[in-house]
Structures are given as C-alpha cells and as structure tokens.
Amino acid sequence: MTGPSLFSIAVLLTVSLLPLGTNAFSAAPLALCLTKQLPTNGVSRRKTALGIGNLFGGGEKKQETSSGDGGTTVVDIQAKTIKVGGLRFFLNIYLVGQCNTPEQGSWLVQQNDEGKLDLYFKDGTGMLSVDISEVQFKADRYGEKPSLSYMLNESIMLHGLLDELNALAFDVEDIEEEKRLIQFNAPGDDAINLAREKLPARPAS
C-alpha cells in the first residue's frame, strides 16, 4: 500500500487546519465526476436483498447489519474524533478520482442534502452511501438486488476508502495528531482492519 499522493498531502495540509467538526465544505460539493446521468433504477434508500460472502476467495458469509433506514451497513468505524468537513472534502476528491474504475463511467458521486456522499453504480442496481460524523465513519448499501458486478466493485471501492483512512490517520507523521482529519482512541487501534475483515477479500493485484 502506498501513501497519499503529493496532491492528497497538499489537500490534507489545507483541511487539517480547519476547526474540529467544521462543515465548511458541506454546502459546496465537488463537481460530479461524470457528465452523463447513470441509471439508478430506484435504488436510492431501498433495502438490499442480496447476501454474498467472500466474493474473491470463497469462505464464510461476512456479517452485515441494517442501517435503520432501509439500507445495509457494510462499514462502521468508531473514531476518537473526525474533522467532518475536511474528511468529507478529501474523500470527495478521492472518490471523484475513482469514478472511471474499473472502466469509463463506472460510478457517479453526489453529495446529498444530508451531507452524505452517494455513489451510484453504472448498472443502476445499487448505491453506496458514505456518512461521516465527528466520531463515526459509516458506509451503507442500498438497492433491492445489487448485481454481482456491483458487489465486486463495491468491495474494491470500500477497500480503497479504508486505505485512505489508514493513510490519513497513521501515514502523516509530519502532521500533529490533533490536526489530523481522523484520530483513533489509541495508537494501536485496529478499527480499520476489523472493518476490512468484514468485507469480501480484496482481489489479487
């Protein structure tokens, strides 16, 4: 795993100076990463009915929980503190950069009225919604029956997001801990790896 790019570090240095919990960027979401409208097939805020275990290597089914609003929580990480506006802005930039992965027009990213980052997949069968609070990072899946292609690409996207959280929390030694976008309760906090273990395995590179 590589650390943040020079551009990412520049963004991080900027947003790390924001006051704790600031929402300075919440009212001005980044431009959409695609110019065309992806099909959604009514996936917004609708319950997932598909259960899949380890997509890339067999094994037991991974545990998932209800989000309480019709979705399925696939990642739930508790933190000591999060700079909400700064982390949302940084991840918005990251997600925009992933919109054409694995191919052109795979994802569409939008920030909704609640400040969540919604990712719509190109086949319209599923949506991933990223919610950030001052002490929690959460990702919920929506869609009545997400396709296998959606599930495969959702897993890749989530592993990438966890890589970014890990880098922002631990791979920025030149930034004082209290100024980092996300902090955990202890230096050895394994919350990110525990969240990763609940996902289908990352595909071999």
Protein backbone atom coordinates (compact mmCIF):
# COMPACT_ATOMS: atom_id res chain seq x y z
CA MET A 1 0.00 0.00 0.00
CA THR A 2 1.34 3.43 -0.92
CA GLY A 3 0.90 6.65 0.99
CA PRO A 4 -1.08 9.69 -0.11
CA SER A 5 -0.04 11.43 -3.35
CA LEU A 6 1.58 14.87 -3.29
CA PHE A 7 -1.77 16.39 -4.26
CA SER A 8 -3.51 14.50 -1.47
CA ILE A 9 -0.91 15.69 1.03
CA ALA A 10 -1.42 19.28 -0.12
CA VAL A 11 -5.18 18.95 0.36
CA LEU A 12 -4.64 17.31 3.73
CA LEU A 13 -2.34 20.08 4.94
CA THR A 14 -5.01 22.62 3.99
CA VAL A 15 -8.04 20.94 5.50
CA SER A 16 -6.19 19.81 8.63
CA LEU A 17 -6.13 23.45 9.71
CA LEU A 18 -9.93 23.59 9.82
CA PRO A 19 -11.59 23.71 13.28
CA LEU A 20 -12.74 20.39 14.68
CA GLY A 21 -16.02 19.21 13.14
CA THR A 22 -16.23 22.07 10.67
CA ASN A 23 -18.69 21.71 7.82
CA ALA A 24 -17.17 24.45 5.69
CA PHE A 25 -17.35 22.34 2.55
CA SER A 26 -20.73 20.70 3.11
CA ALA A 27 -22.67 23.34 1.21
CA ALA A 28 -20.39 23.22 -1.82
CA PRO A 29 -19.97 19.63 -3.02
CA LEU A 30 -17.33 18.87 -5.61
CA ALA A 31 -18.41 18.75 -9.27
CA LEU A 32 -19.84 15.43 -10.42
CA CYS A 33 -17.24 13.06 -11.80
CA LEU A 34 -19.48 12.15 -14.75
CA THR A 35 -21.34 14.43 -17.12
CA LYS A 36 -23.96 11.85 -18.08
CA GLN A 37 -26.72 10.56 -15.81
CA LEU A 38 -26.29 6.98 -14.65
CA PRO A 39 -29.34 4.72 -14.36
CA THR A 40 -30.47 4.35 -10.74
CA ASN A 41 -33.47 2.02 -11.13
CA GLY A 42 -34.89 3.44 -7.90
CA VAL A 43 -32.01 2.22 -5.72
CA SER A 44 -31.94 5.32 -3.51
CA ARG A 45 -32.61 4.40 0.14
CA ARG A 46 -34.03 0.97 -0.67
CA LYS A 47 -33.17 -2.20 1.18
CA THR A 48 -30.54 -4.66 -0.03
CA ALA A 49 -31.79 -8.18 -0.59
CA LEU A 50 -28.59 -9.80 -1.81
CA GLY A 51 -26.26 -11.59 0.59
CA ILE A 52 -22.81 -12.56 -0.71
CA GLY A 53 -19.85 -13.87 1.23
CA ASN A 54 -16.20 -13.71 0.17
CA LEU A 55 -16.58 -12.81 -3.50
CA PHE A 56 -12.93 -13.22 -4.36
CA GLY A 57 -11.90 -16.30 -2.45
CA GLY A 58 -14.81 -18.29 -1.01
CA GLY A 59 -15.18 -18.56 2.74
CA GLU A 60 -17.95 -17.71 5.13
CA LYS A 61 -20.54 -15.00 4.61
CA LYS A 62 -19.50 -11.63 6.01
CA GLN A 63 -21.67 -10.09 8.71
CA GLU A 64 -23.74 -7.06 7.71
CA THR A 65 -26.29 -5.07 9.69
CA SER A 66 -29.30 -2.90 8.92
CA SER A 67 -28.63 0.83 8.73
CA GLY A 68 -32.06 1.58 10.20
CA ASP A 69 -33.34 3.44 7.12
CA GLY A 70 -33.72 0.57 4.69
CA GLY A 71 -30.06 0.14 3.84
CA THR A 72 -27.40 -2.36 4.84
CA THR A 73 -24.38 -1.15 6.82
CA VAL A 74 -21.21 -2.62 5.31
CA VAL A 75 -18.59 -0.49 7.11
CA ASP A 76 -18.95 1.06 10.57
CA ILE A 77 -15.85 2.57 12.19
CA GLN A 78 -15.81 4.41 15.51
CA ALA A 79 -13.13 7.08 15.96
CA LYS A 80 -11.89 9.35 18.72
CA THR A 81 -12.53 12.43 16.61
CA ILE A 82 -13.09 13.32 12.96
CA LYS A 83 -12.86 16.69 11.24
CA VAL A 84 -16.09 16.14 9.35
CA GLY A 85 -15.85 18.85 6.68
CA GLY A 86 -12.19 18.21 5.98
CA LEU A 87 -12.52 14.44 5.72
CA ARG A 88 -15.63 14.69 3.55
CA PHE A 89 -13.86 17.11 1.21
CA PHE A 90 -10.77 14.89 0.97
CA LEU A 91 -12.79 11.72 0.33
CA ASN A 92 -14.94 13.52 -2.23
CA ILE A 93 -11.77 14.29 -4.19
CA TYR A 94 -10.61 10.69 -3.83
CA LEU A 95 -13.96 9.26 -4.97
CA VAL A 96 -14.11 11.55 -7.99
CA GLY A 97 -10.75 10.10 -8.98
CA GLN A 98 -12.21 6.58 -8.78
CA CYS A 99 -15.28 7.21 -10.94
CA ASN A 100 -13.75 5.63 -14.03
CA THR A 101 -12.59 2.49 -12.22
CA PRO A 102 -12.64 -0.22 -13.45
CA GLU A 103 -13.83 1.41 -16.68
CA GLN A 104 -15.08 4.73 -18.01
CA GLY A 105 -18.28 5.86 -16.31
CA SER A 106 -18.44 3.13 -13.66
CA TRP A 107 -19.51 5.41 -10.79
CA LEU A 108 -21.31 8.68 -10.20
CA VAL A 109 -20.62 10.61 -6.96
CA GLN A 110 -23.08 13.09 -5.48
CA GLN A 111 -23.29 14.80 -2.08
CA ASN A 112 -26.89 14.67 -0.88
CA ASP A 113 -28.82 17.16 1.23
CA GLU A 114 -27.71 15.42 4.43
CA GLY A 115 -24.03 15.79 3.53
CA LYS A 116 -23.58 12.10 2.74
CA LEU A 117 -21.53 11.03 -0.29
CA ASP A 118 -23.70 8.81 -2.51
CA LEU A 119 -22.02 6.57 -5.10
CA TYR A 120 -24.24 5.22 -7.87
CA PHE A 121 -23.00 2.27 -9.94
CA LYS A 122 -23.40 2.27 -13.71
CA ASP A 123 -25.87 -0.65 -13.91
CA GLY A 124 -28.33 1.09 -11.58
CA THR A 125 -28.74 -1.87 -9.22
CA GLY A 126 -27.00 -0.49 -6.14
CA MET A 127 -25.81 2.62 -4.34
CA LEU A 128 -23.19 3.11 -1.64
CA SER A 129 -23.72 5.99 0.80
CA VAL A 130 -20.82 7.28 2.94
CA ASP A 131 -21.81 9.04 6.16
CA ILE A 132 -19.26 10.90 8.32
CA SER A 133 -19.84 12.28 11.82
CA GLU A 134 -17.49 13.60 14.49
CA VAL A 135 -16.90 10.08 15.86
CA GLN A 136 -18.02 7.70 13.12
CA PHE A 137 -17.33 6.69 9.50
CA LYS A 138 -20.12 4.58 8.03
CA ALA A 139 -20.96 3.16 4.60
CA ASP A 140 -24.44 1.82 3.78
CA ARG A 141 -25.57 -0.12 0.71
CA TYR A 142 -28.96 0.49 -0.92
CA GLY A 143 -30.71 -1.44 -3.67
CA GLU A 144 -33.28 -4.26 -3.74
CA LYS A 145 -31.00 -6.69 -5.57
CA PRO A 146 -27.48 -5.39 -6.35
CA SER A 147 -25.82 -7.16 -9.25
CA LEU A 148 -22.72 -9.31 -8.88
CA SER A 149 -20.81 -6.64 -10.80
CA TYR A 150 -21.96 -4.01 -8.31
CA MET A 151 -20.93 -6.16 -5.34
CA LEU A 152 -17.48 -6.82 -6.79
CA ASN A 153 -16.84 -3.15 -7.46
CA GLU A 154 -18.33 -2.01 -4.14
CA SER A 155 -15.80 -4.18 -2.34
CA ILE A 156 -12.92 -2.68 -4.34
CA MET A 157 -14.20 0.83 -3.60
CA LEU A 158 -14.53 0.16 0.13
CA HIS A 159 -11.04 -1.32 0.41
CA GLY A 160 -9.73 1.82 -1.28
CA LEU A 161 -11.59 4.06 1.16
CA LEU A 162 -10.16 2.12 4.10
CA ASP A 163 -6.68 2.55 2.62
CA GLU A 164 -7.24 6.31 2.54
CA LEU A 165 -8.50 6.42 6.14
CA ASN A 166 -5.47 4.43 7.28
CA ALA A 167 -3.11 6.79 5.45
CA LEU A 168 -4.81 9.89 6.87
CA ALA A 169 -4.69 8.53 10.41
CA PHE A 170 -1.27 6.91 10.51
CA ASP A 171 0.89 7.78 7.47
CA VAL A 172 1.13 11.55 8.05
CA GLU A 173 3.83 11.79 10.69
CA ASP A 174 4.65 15.37 9.67
CA ILE A 175 1.17 16.47 10.84
CA GLU A 176 0.45 16.75 14.55
CA GLU A 177 -2.01 14.12 15.73
CA GLU A 178 -4.61 16.62 16.90
CA LYS A 179 -4.63 18.24 13.44
CA ARG A 180 -5.20 15.01 11.52
CA LEU A 181 -8.54 14.53 9.81
CA ILE A 182 -9.25 11.33 11.72
CA GLN A 183 -7.92 10.10 15.07
CA PHE A 184 -8.49 6.83 16.85
CA ASN A 185 -8.75 6.07 20.55
CA ALA A 186 -5.29 4.52 20.85
CA PRO A 187 -2.12 4.25 18.70
CA GLY A 188 -2.77 0.55 18.19
CA ASP A 189 -6.49 0.93 17.39
CA ASP A 190 -7.32 -1.77 14.86
CA ALA A 191 -10.73 -0.40 13.82
CA ILE A 192 -9.81 -0.13 10.13
CA ASN A 193 -8.50 -3.69 9.86
CA LEU A 194 -11.51 -5.01 11.77
CA ALA A 195 -13.78 -3.25 9.27
CA ARG A 196 -11.75 -4.66 6.38
CA GLU A 197 -12.14 -8.22 7.70
CA LYS A 198 -15.93 -7.92 7.31
CA LEU A 199 -15.60 -7.14 3.60
CA PRO A 200 -15.12 -9.63 0.77
CA ALA A 201 -11.41 -10.10 0.24
CA ARG A 202 -9.56 -7.61 -1.94
CA PRO A 203 -8.95 -9.09 -5.43
CA ALA A 204 -5.38 -10.13 -6.16
CA SER A 205 -3.41 -7.44 -7.98
